[in-house]
Amino acid sequence: KELNPKLNIILTVSPVPLTATATDKHILVASYYSKAVLRAVAGYLSDYFEDISYFPSFEIISVNSSNDFRFENNRRTVSPKGVDYVMKHFKS
């Protein structure tokens, strides 16, 4: 900002999942946790600083599609197949 006072910053969160973690958490849990933390910080900064904006690349890629079996056609309601899929993994 000292060199260019007109500078604006665009933040985003990569939709690419982690492939490894240094934690003892399952990679799926570690990946979503890292995305949630980064998204929360990016949201906070873009809400409180006029020169910082957020571009939703994570949301654009990770949102469920109309062909996603886990959701009903409204893309909001979890489908019975989605529930069965989660419970199958929970039981295992």
PDB file of N, CA and C in Angstrom:
ATOM      1  N   LYS A   1       0.824  -1.195   0.000  1.00  0.00           N
ATOM      2  CA  LYS A   1       0.000   0.000   0.000  1.00  0.00           C
ATOM      3  C   LYS A   1       0.866   1.257   0.000  1.00  0.00           C
ATOM      4  N   GLU A   2       2.067   1.172   0.565  1.00  0.00           N
ATOM      5  CA  GLU A   2       2.958   2.326   0.529  1.00  0.00           C
ATOM      6  C   GLU A   2       3.381   2.633  -0.902  1.00  0.00           C
ATOM      7  N   LEU A   3       3.616   1.604  -1.691  1.00  0.00           N
ATOM      8  CA  LEU A   3       4.040   1.797  -3.073  1.00  0.00           C
ATOM      9  C   LEU A   3       2.869   2.112  -3.999  1.00  0.00           C
ATOM     10  N   ASN A   4       1.705   1.556  -3.693  1.00  0.00           N
ATOM     11  CA  ASN A   4       0.536   1.759  -4.540  1.00  0.00           C
ATOM     12  C   ASN A   4      -0.712   1.857  -3.658  1.00  0.00           C
ATOM     13  N   PRO A   5      -1.090   3.062  -3.257  1.00  0.00           N
ATOM     14  CA  PRO A   5      -2.251   3.251  -2.382  1.00  0.00           C
ATOM     15  C   PRO A   5      -3.572   2.776  -2.997  1.00  0.00           C
ATOM     16  N   LYS A   6      -3.617   2.641  -4.330  1.00  0.00           N
ATOM     17  CA  LYS A   6      -4.837   2.196  -5.000  1.00  0.00           C
ATOM     18  C   LYS A   6      -4.947   0.670  -5.073  1.00  0.00           C
ATOM     19  N   LEU A   7      -3.968  -0.028  -4.536  1.00  0.00           N
ATOM     20  CA  LEU A   7      -3.936  -1.482  -4.594  1.00  0.00           C
ATOM     21  C   LEU A   7      -5.154  -2.088  -3.912  1.00  0.00           C
ATOM     22  N   ASN A   8      -5.797  -3.013  -4.585  1.00  0.00           N
ATOM     23  CA  ASN A   8      -6.879  -3.800  -4.006  1.00  0.00           C
ATOM     24  C   ASN A   8      -6.433  -5.253  -3.963  1.00  0.00           C
ATOM     25  N   ILE A   9      -6.918  -5.984  -2.982  1.00  0.00           N
ATOM     26  CA  ILE A   9      -6.508  -7.369  -2.770  1.00  0.00           C
ATOM     27  C   ILE A   9      -7.720  -8.262  -2.967  1.00  0.00           C
ATOM     28  N   ILE A  10      -7.517  -9.354  -3.690  1.00  0.00           N
ATOM     29  CA  ILE A  10      -8.565 -10.360  -3.865  1.00  0.00           C
ATOM     30  C   ILE A  10      -8.087 -11.637  -3.182  1.00  0.00           C
ATOM     31  N   LEU A  11      -8.885 -12.131  -2.248  1.00  0.00           N
ATOM     32  CA  LEU A  11      -8.587 -13.389  -1.562  1.00  0.00           C
ATOM     33  C   LEU A  11      -9.505 -14.475  -2.103  1.00  0.00           C
ATOM     34  N   THR A  12      -9.021 -15.695  -2.072  1.00  0.00           N
ATOM     35  CA  THR A  12      -9.840 -16.844  -2.434  1.00  0.00           C
ATOM     36  C   THR A  12      -9.333 -18.046  -1.655  1.00  0.00           C
ATOM     37  N   VAL A  13     -10.118 -19.105  -1.638  1.00  0.00           N
ATOM     38  CA  VAL A  13      -9.718 -20.358  -1.001  1.00  0.00           C
ATOM     39  C   VAL A  13      -9.696 -21.416  -2.094  1.00  0.00           C
ATOM     40  N   SER A  14      -8.592 -22.095  -2.226  1.00  0.00           N
ATOM     41  CA  SER A  14      -8.463 -23.115  -3.254  1.00  0.00           C
ATOM     42  C   SER A  14      -9.463 -24.250  -3.017  1.00  0.00           C
ATOM     43  N   PRO A  15     -10.152 -24.680  -4.067  1.00  0.00           N
ATOM     44  CA  PRO A  15     -11.070 -25.805  -3.917  1.00  0.00           C
ATOM     45  C   PRO A  15     -10.359 -27.160  -3.943  1.00  0.00           C
ATOM     46  N   VAL A  16      -9.064 -27.158  -4.202  1.00  0.00           N
ATOM     47  CA  VAL A  16      -8.315 -28.411  -4.282  1.00  0.00           C
ATOM     48  C   VAL A  16      -8.121 -28.975  -2.867  1.00  0.00           C
ATOM     49  N   PRO A  17      -8.577 -30.198  -2.619  1.00  0.00           N
ATOM     50  CA  PRO A  17      -8.436 -30.769  -1.276  1.00  0.00           C
ATOM     51  C   PRO A  17      -6.974 -31.089  -0.945  1.00  0.00           C
ATOM     52  N   LEU A  18      -6.688 -31.138   0.338  1.00  0.00           N
ATOM     53  CA  LEU A  18      -5.356 -31.541   0.776  1.00  0.00           C
ATOM     54  C   LEU A  18      -5.128 -33.007   0.402  1.00  0.00           C
ATOM     55  N   THR A  19      -3.887 -33.370   0.169  1.00  0.00           N
ATOM     56  CA  THR A  19      -3.562 -34.777  -0.099  1.00  0.00           C
ATOM     57  C   THR A  19      -2.804 -35.406   1.058  1.00  0.00           C
ATOM     58  N   ALA A  20      -2.393 -34.588   2.000  1.00  0.00           N
ATOM     59  CA  ALA A  20      -1.682 -35.075   3.183  1.00  0.00           C
ATOM     60  C   ALA A  20      -1.878 -34.072   4.299  1.00  0.00           C
ATOM     61  N   THR A  21      -1.665 -34.533   5.523  1.00  0.00           N
ATOM     62  CA  THR A  21      -1.781 -33.665   6.682  1.00  0.00           C
ATOM     63  C   THR A  21      -0.720 -34.038   7.707  1.00  0.00           C
ATOM     64  N   ALA A  22      -0.280 -33.063   8.457  1.00  0.00           N
ATOM     65  CA  ALA A  22       0.683 -33.309   9.536  1.00  0.00           C
ATOM     66  C   ALA A  22      -0.043 -33.595  10.842  1.00  0.00           C
ATOM     67  N   THR A  23      -1.367 -33.614  10.803  1.00  0.00           N
ATOM     68  CA  THR A  23      -2.142 -33.896  12.012  1.00  0.00           C
ATOM     69  C   THR A  23      -2.472 -35.380  12.075  1.00  0.00           C
ATOM     70  N   ASP A  24      -3.088 -35.786  13.177  1.00  0.00           N
ATOM     71  CA  ASP A  24      -3.528 -37.181  13.294  1.00  0.00           C
ATOM     72  C   ASP A  24      -4.973 -37.354  12.834  1.00  0.00           C
ATOM     73  N   LYS A  25      -5.521 -36.322  12.198  1.00  0.00           N
ATOM     74  CA  LYS A  25      -6.898 -36.358  11.698  1.00  0.00           C
ATOM     75  C   LYS A  25      -6.955 -37.039  10.340  1.00  0.00           C
ATOM     76  N   HIS A  26      -8.120 -37.616  10.028  1.00  0.00           N
ATOM     77  CA  HIS A  26      -8.345 -38.163   8.693  1.00  0.00           C
ATOM     78  C   HIS A  26      -8.170 -37.038   7.689  1.00  0.00           C
ATOM     79  N   ILE A  27      -7.656 -37.330   6.508  1.00  0.00           N
ATOM     80  CA  ILE A  27      -7.361 -36.300   5.517  1.00  0.00           C
ATOM     81  C   ILE A  27      -8.609 -35.518   5.121  1.00  0.00           C
ATOM     82  N   LEU A  28      -9.759 -36.170   5.073  1.00  0.00           N
ATOM     83  CA  LEU A  28     -11.001 -35.473   4.726  1.00  0.00           C
ATOM     84  C   LEU A  28     -11.343 -34.421   5.778  1.00  0.00           C
ATOM     85  N   VAL A  29     -11.222 -34.798   7.045  1.00  0.00           N
ATOM     86  CA  VAL A  29     -11.495 -33.862   8.145  1.00  0.00           C
ATOM     87  C   VAL A  29     -10.471 -32.728   8.137  1.00  0.00           C
ATOM     88  N   ALA A  30      -9.206 -33.059   7.974  1.00  0.00           N
ATOM     89  CA  ALA A  30      -8.145 -32.050   7.960  1.00  0.00           C
ATOM     90  C   ALA A  30      -8.322 -31.085   6.790  1.00  0.00           C
ATOM     91  N   SER A  31      -8.706 -31.614   5.638  1.00  0.00           N
ATOM     92  CA  SER A  31      -8.874 -30.768   4.463  1.00  0.00           C
ATOM     93  C   SER A  31     -10.023 -29.781   4.643  1.00  0.00           C
ATOM     94  N   TYR A  32     -11.171 -30.277   5.091  1.00  0.00           N
ATOM     95  CA  TYR A  32     -12.314 -29.374   5.274  1.00  0.00           C
ATOM     96  C   TYR A  32     -12.083 -28.384   6.408  1.00  0.00           C
ATOM     97  N   TYR A  33     -11.374 -28.816   7.441  1.00  0.00           N
ATOM     98  CA  TYR A  33     -11.049 -27.890   8.529  1.00  0.00           C
ATOM     99  C   TYR A  33     -10.185 -26.749   8.000  1.00  0.00           C
ATOM    100  N   SER A  34      -9.154 -27.095   7.223  1.00  0.00           N
ATOM    101  CA  SER A  34      -8.273 -26.050   6.704  1.00  0.00           C
ATOM    102  C   SER A  34      -9.034 -25.092   5.797  1.00  0.00           C
ATOM    103  N   LYS A  35      -9.946 -25.628   4.977  1.00  0.00           N
ATOM    104  CA  LYS A  35     -10.733 -24.766   4.089  1.00  0.00           C
ATOM    105  C   LYS A  35     -11.656 -23.864   4.906  1.00  0.00           C
ATOM    106  N   ALA A  36     -12.245 -24.399   5.965  1.00  0.00           N
ATOM    107  CA  ALA A  36     -13.148 -23.605   6.803  1.00  0.00           C
ATOM    108  C   ALA A  36     -12.411 -22.466   7.490  1.00  0.00           C
ATOM    109  N   VAL A  37     -11.226 -22.743   8.004  1.00  0.00           N
ATOM    110  CA  VAL A  37     -10.437 -21.705   8.671  1.00  0.00           C
ATOM    111  C   VAL A  37     -10.035 -20.622   7.674  1.00  0.00           C
ATOM    112  N   LEU A  38      -9.530 -21.046   6.522  1.00  0.00           N
ATOM    113  CA  LEU A  38      -9.131 -20.066   5.509  1.00  0.00           C
ATOM    114  C   LEU A  38     -10.326 -19.243   5.033  1.00  0.00           C
ATOM    115  N   ARG A  39     -11.468 -19.900   4.848  1.00  0.00           N
ATOM    116  CA  ARG A  39     -12.664 -19.187   4.379  1.00  0.00           C
ATOM    117  C   ARG A  39     -13.141 -18.188   5.421  1.00  0.00           C
ATOM    118  N   ALA A  40     -13.089 -18.576   6.688  1.00  0.00           N
ATOM    119  CA  ALA A  40     -13.516 -17.670   7.761  1.00  0.00           C
ATOM    120  C   ALA A  40     -12.612 -16.434   7.817  1.00  0.00           C
ATOM    121  N   VAL A  41     -11.331 -16.627   7.711  1.00  0.00           N
ATOM    122  CA  VAL A  41     -10.387 -15.495   7.746  1.00  0.00           C
ATOM    123  C   VAL A  41     -10.577 -14.606   6.522  1.00  0.00           C
ATOM    124  N   ALA A  42     -10.714 -15.218   5.350  1.00  0.00           N
ATOM    125  CA  ALA A  42     -10.917 -14.430   4.126  1.00  0.00           C
ATOM    126  C   ALA A  42     -12.218 -13.636   4.216  1.00  0.00           C
ATOM    127  N   GLY A  43     -13.266 -14.253   4.750  1.00  0.00           N
ATOM    128  CA  GLY A  43     -14.533 -13.551   4.919  1.00  0.00           C
ATOM    129  C   GLY A  43     -14.423 -12.393   5.890  1.00  0.00           C
ATOM    130  N   TYR A  44     -13.743 -12.629   6.987  1.00  0.00           N
ATOM    131  CA  TYR A  44     -13.547 -11.575   7.981  1.00  0.00           C
ATOM    132  C   TYR A  44     -12.803 -10.392   7.368  1.00  0.00           C
ATOM    133  N   LEU A  45     -11.696 -10.673   6.710  1.00  0.00           N
ATOM    134  CA  LEU A  45     -10.891  -9.596   6.136  1.00  0.00           C
ATOM    135  C   LEU A  45     -11.660  -8.824   5.074  1.00  0.00           C
ATOM    136  N   SER A  46     -12.399  -9.538   4.220  1.00  0.00           N
ATOM    137  CA  SER A  46     -13.148  -8.839   3.164  1.00  0.00           C
ATOM    138  C   SER A  46     -14.339  -8.065   3.727  1.00  0.00           C
ATOM    139  N   ASP A  47     -14.852  -8.461   4.867  1.00  0.00           N
ATOM    140  CA  ASP A  47     -15.950  -7.725   5.503  1.00  0.00           C
ATOM    141  C   ASP A  47     -15.469  -6.444   6.186  1.00  0.00           C
ATOM    142  N   TYR A  48     -14.235  -6.454   6.689  1.00  0.00           N
ATOM    143  CA  TYR A  48     -13.759  -5.339   7.503  1.00  0.00           C
ATOM    144  C   TYR A  48     -12.763  -4.409   6.823  1.00  0.00           C
ATOM    145  N   PHE A  49     -12.303  -4.768   5.646  1.00  0.00           N
ATOM    146  CA  PHE A  49     -11.355  -3.912   4.940  1.00  0.00           C
ATOM    147  C   PHE A  49     -11.884  -3.630   3.540  1.00  0.00           C
ATOM    148  N   GLU A  50     -12.079  -2.356   3.222  1.00  0.00           N
ATOM    149  CA  GLU A  50     -12.655  -1.961   1.936  1.00  0.00           C
ATOM    150  C   GLU A  50     -11.799  -2.355   0.740  1.00  0.00           C
ATOM    151  N   ASP A  51     -10.505  -2.477   0.929  1.00  0.00           N
ATOM    152  CA  ASP A  51      -9.618  -2.794  -0.193  1.00  0.00           C
ATOM    153  C   ASP A  51      -9.371  -4.297  -0.355  1.00  0.00           C
ATOM    154  N   ILE A  52     -10.117  -5.116   0.388  1.00  0.00           N
ATOM    155  CA  ILE A  52      -9.995  -6.569   0.275  1.00  0.00           C
ATOM    156  C   ILE A  52     -11.340  -7.139  -0.155  1.00  0.00           C
ATOM    157  N   SER A  53     -11.305  -7.955  -1.197  1.00  0.00           N
ATOM    158  CA  SER A  53     -12.510  -8.627  -1.702  1.00  0.00           C
ATOM    159  C   SER A  53     -12.300 -10.134  -1.647  1.00  0.00           C
ATOM    160  N   TYR A  54     -13.387 -10.876  -1.667  1.00  0.00           N
ATOM    161  CA  TYR A  54     -13.322 -12.339  -1.688  1.00  0.00           C
ATOM    162  C   TYR A  54     -13.914 -12.843  -2.998  1.00  0.00           C
ATOM    163  N   PHE A  55     -13.205 -13.755  -3.672  1.00  0.00           N
ATOM    164  CA  PHE A  55     -13.711 -14.417  -4.867  1.00  0.00           C
ATOM    165  C   PHE A  55     -14.037 -15.866  -4.513  1.00  0.00           C
ATOM    166  N   PRO A  56     -15.273 -16.322  -4.749  1.00  0.00           N
ATOM    167  CA  PRO A  56     -15.728 -17.631  -4.254  1.00  0.00           C
ATOM    168  C   PRO A  56     -15.343 -18.840  -5.108  1.00  0.00           C
ATOM    169  N   SER A  57     -14.062 -19.032  -5.386  1.00  0.00           N
ATOM    170  CA  SER A  57     -13.657 -20.206  -6.176  1.00  0.00           C
ATOM    171  C   SER A  57     -13.976 -21.509  -5.443  1.00  0.00           C
ATOM    172  N   PHE A  58     -13.780 -21.535  -4.121  1.00  0.00           N
ATOM    173  CA  PHE A  58     -14.082 -22.740  -3.343  1.00  0.00           C
ATOM    174  C   PHE A  58     -15.560 -23.099  -3.455  1.00  0.00           C
ATOM    175  N   GLU A  59     -16.415 -22.106  -3.295  1.00  0.00           N
ATOM    176  CA  GLU A  59     -17.852 -22.348  -3.343  1.00  0.00           C
ATOM    177  C   GLU A  59     -18.311 -22.746  -4.741  1.00  0.00           C
ATOM    178  N   ILE A  60     -17.749 -22.123  -5.756  1.00  0.00           N
ATOM    179  CA  ILE A  60     -18.141 -22.429  -7.132  1.00  0.00           C
ATOM    180  C   ILE A  60     -17.847 -23.891  -7.467  1.00  0.00           C
ATOM    181  N   ILE A  61     -16.714 -24.388  -7.025  1.00  0.00           N
ATOM    182  CA  ILE A  61     -16.327 -25.767  -7.329  1.00  0.00           C
ATOM    183  C   ILE A  61     -16.965 -26.775  -6.387  1.00  0.00           C
ATOM    184  N   SER A  62     -17.070 -26.456  -5.112  1.00  0.00           N
ATOM    185  CA  SER A  62     -17.501 -27.457  -4.134  1.00  0.00           C
ATOM    186  C   SER A  62     -19.010 -27.536  -3.925  1.00  0.00           C
ATOM    187  N   VAL A  63     -19.773 -26.607  -4.479  1.00  0.00           N
ATOM    188  CA  VAL A  63     -21.228 -26.661  -4.313  1.00  0.00           C
ATOM    189  C   VAL A  63     -21.774 -27.871  -5.073  1.00  0.00           C
ATOM    190  N   ASN A  64     -22.807 -28.479  -4.516  1.00  0.00           N
ATOM    191  CA  ASN A  64     -23.373 -29.659  -5.172  1.00  0.00           C
ATOM    192  C   ASN A  64     -24.065 -29.272  -6.474  1.00  0.00           C
ATOM    193  N   SER A  65     -24.047 -30.179  -7.425  1.00  0.00           N
ATOM    194  CA  SER A  65     -24.656 -29.907  -8.724  1.00  0.00           C
ATOM    195  C   SER A  65     -26.030 -30.571  -8.815  1.00  0.00           C
ATOM    196  N   SER A  66     -26.744 -30.279  -9.877  1.00  0.00           N
ATOM    197  CA  SER A  66     -28.093 -30.844 -10.042  1.00  0.00           C
ATOM    198  C   SER A  66     -28.052 -32.351 -10.229  1.00  0.00           C
ATOM    199  N   ASN A  67     -26.925 -32.915 -10.595  1.00  0.00           N
ATOM    200  CA  ASN A  67     -26.806 -34.361 -10.777  1.00  0.00           C
ATOM    201  C   ASN A  67     -26.214 -35.066  -9.563  1.00  0.00           C
ATOM    202  N   ASP A  68     -26.037 -34.367  -8.481  1.00  0.00           N
ATOM    203  CA  ASP A  68     -25.417 -34.921  -7.279  1.00  0.00           C
ATOM    204  C   ASP A  68     -26.434 -35.759  -6.521  1.00  0.00           C
ATOM    205  N   PHE A  69     -26.179 -37.069  -6.393  1.00  0.00           N
ATOM    206  CA  PHE A  69     -27.119 -37.981  -5.738  1.00  0.00           C
ATOM    207  C   PHE A  69     -27.337 -37.664  -4.267  1.00  0.00           C
ATOM    208  N   ARG A  70     -26.446 -36.894  -3.667  1.00  0.00           N
ATOM    209  CA  ARG A  70     -26.558 -36.624  -2.230  1.00  0.00           C
ATOM    210  C   ARG A  70     -27.632 -35.600  -1.892  1.00  0.00           C
ATOM    211  N   PHE A  71     -28.144 -34.899  -2.894  1.00  0.00           N
ATOM    212  CA  PHE A  71     -29.130 -33.845  -2.657  1.00  0.00           C
ATOM    213  C   PHE A  71     -30.344 -34.009  -3.561  1.00  0.00           C
ATOM    214  N   GLU A  72     -31.469 -33.494  -3.086  1.00  0.00           N
ATOM    215  CA  GLU A  72     -32.685 -33.445  -3.897  1.00  0.00           C
ATOM    216  C   GLU A  72     -32.502 -32.388  -4.978  1.00  0.00           C
ATOM    217  N   ASN A  73     -33.464 -32.260  -5.865  1.00  0.00           N
ATOM    218  CA  ASN A  73     -33.366 -31.313  -6.980  1.00  0.00           C
ATOM    219  C   ASN A  73     -33.202 -29.867  -6.541  1.00  0.00           C
ATOM    220  N   ASN A  74     -33.675 -29.537  -5.326  1.00  0.00           N
ATOM    221  CA  ASN A  74     -33.512 -28.158  -4.856  1.00  0.00           C
ATOM    222  C   ASN A  74     -32.071 -27.860  -4.425  1.00  0.00           C
ATOM    223  N   ARG A  75     -31.216 -28.875  -4.445  1.00  0.00           N
ATOM    224  CA  ARG A  75     -29.783 -28.774  -4.109  1.00  0.00           C
ATOM    225  C   ARG A  75     -29.542 -28.311  -2.672  1.00  0.00           C
ATOM    226  N   ARG A  76     -30.551 -28.441  -1.851  1.00  0.00           N
ATOM    227  CA  ARG A  76     -30.450 -28.032  -0.445  1.00  0.00           C
ATOM    228  C   ARG A  76     -30.808 -29.166   0.501  1.00  0.00           C
ATOM    229  N   THR A  77     -31.780 -29.966   0.113  1.00  0.00           N
ATOM    230  CA  THR A  77     -32.263 -31.060   0.948  1.00  0.00           C
ATOM    231  C   THR A  77     -31.444 -32.317   0.682  1.00  0.00           C
ATOM    232  N   VAL A  78     -30.915 -32.898   1.741  1.00  0.00           N
ATOM    233  CA  VAL A  78     -30.153 -34.134   1.589  1.00  0.00           C
ATOM    234  C   VAL A  78     -31.118 -35.248   1.186  1.00  0.00           C
ATOM    235  N   SER A  79     -30.738 -36.008   0.167  1.00  0.00           N
ATOM    236  CA  SER A  79     -31.596 -37.073  -0.353  1.00  0.00           C
ATOM    237  C   SER A  79     -31.503 -38.319   0.522  1.00  0.00           C
ATOM    238  N   PRO A  80     -32.489 -39.210   0.435  1.00  0.00           N
ATOM    239  CA  PRO A  80     -32.384 -40.489   1.152  1.00  0.00           C
ATOM    240  C   PRO A  80     -31.117 -41.263   0.756  1.00  0.00           C
ATOM    241  N   LYS A  81     -30.727 -41.206  -0.516  1.00  0.00           N
ATOM    242  CA  LYS A  81     -29.482 -41.857  -0.945  1.00  0.00           C
ATOM    243  C   LYS A  81     -28.278 -41.215  -0.257  1.00  0.00           C
ATOM    244  N   GLY A  82     -28.322 -39.898  -0.091  1.00  0.00           N
ATOM    245  CA  GLY A  82     -27.243 -39.202   0.599  1.00  0.00           C
ATOM    246  C   GLY A  82     -27.148 -39.622   2.058  1.00  0.00           C
ATOM    247  N   VAL A  83     -28.295 -39.720   2.711  1.00  0.00           N
ATOM    248  CA  VAL A  83     -28.328 -40.164   4.115  1.00  0.00           C
ATOM    249  C   VAL A  83     -27.790 -41.586   4.214  1.00  0.00           C
ATOM    250  N   ASP A  84     -28.253 -42.479   3.328  1.00  0.00           N
ATOM    251  CA  ASP A  84     -27.776 -43.868   3.328  1.00  0.00           C
ATOM    252  C   ASP A  84     -26.262 -43.935   3.130  1.00  0.00           C
ATOM    253  N   TYR A  85     -25.757 -43.088   2.241  1.00  0.00           N
ATOM    254  CA  TYR A  85     -24.325 -43.051   1.955  1.00  0.00           C
ATOM    255  C   TYR A  85     -23.524 -42.649   3.196  1.00  0.00           C
ATOM    256  N   VAL A  86     -23.992 -41.620   3.889  1.00  0.00           N
ATOM    257  CA  VAL A  86     -23.318 -41.172   5.113  1.00  0.00           C
ATOM    258  C   VAL A  86     -23.405 -42.247   6.193  1.00  0.00           C
ATOM    259  N   MET A  87     -24.589 -42.822   6.371  1.00  0.00           N
ATOM    260  CA  MET A  87     -24.768 -43.827   7.441  1.00  0.00           C
ATOM    261  C   MET A  87     -23.955 -45.085   7.162  1.00  0.00           C
ATOM    262  N   LYS A  88     -23.810 -45.455   5.901  1.00  0.00           N
ATOM    263  CA  LYS A  88     -22.967 -46.613   5.541  1.00  0.00           C
ATOM    264  C   LYS A  88     -21.553 -46.380   6.022  1.00  0.00           C
ATOM    265  N   HIS A  89     -21.037 -45.176   5.813  1.00  0.00           N
ATOM    266  CA  HIS A  89     -19.679 -44.856   6.263  1.00  0.00           C
ATOM    267  C   HIS A  89     -19.610 -44.749   7.782  1.00  0.00           C
ATOM    268  N   PHE A  90     -20.656 -44.205   8.404  1.00  0.00           N
ATOM    269  CA  PHE A  90     -20.672 -44.083   9.859  1.00  0.00           C
ATOM    270  C   PHE A  90     -20.632 -45.468  10.510  1.00  0.00           C
ATOM    271  N   LYS A  91     -21.414 -46.388   9.978  1.00  0.00           N
ATOM    272  CA  LYS A  91     -21.496 -47.747  10.545  1.00  0.00           C
ATOM    273  C   LYS A  91     -20.202 -48.531  10.358  1.00  0.00           C
ATOM    274  N   SER A  92     -19.468 -48.220   9.296  1.00  0.00           N
ATOM    275  CA  SER A  92     -18.227 -48.962   9.058  1.00  0.00           C
ATOM    276  C   SER A  92     -17.126 -48.470   9.988  1.00  0.00           C
TER     277      SER A  92
END
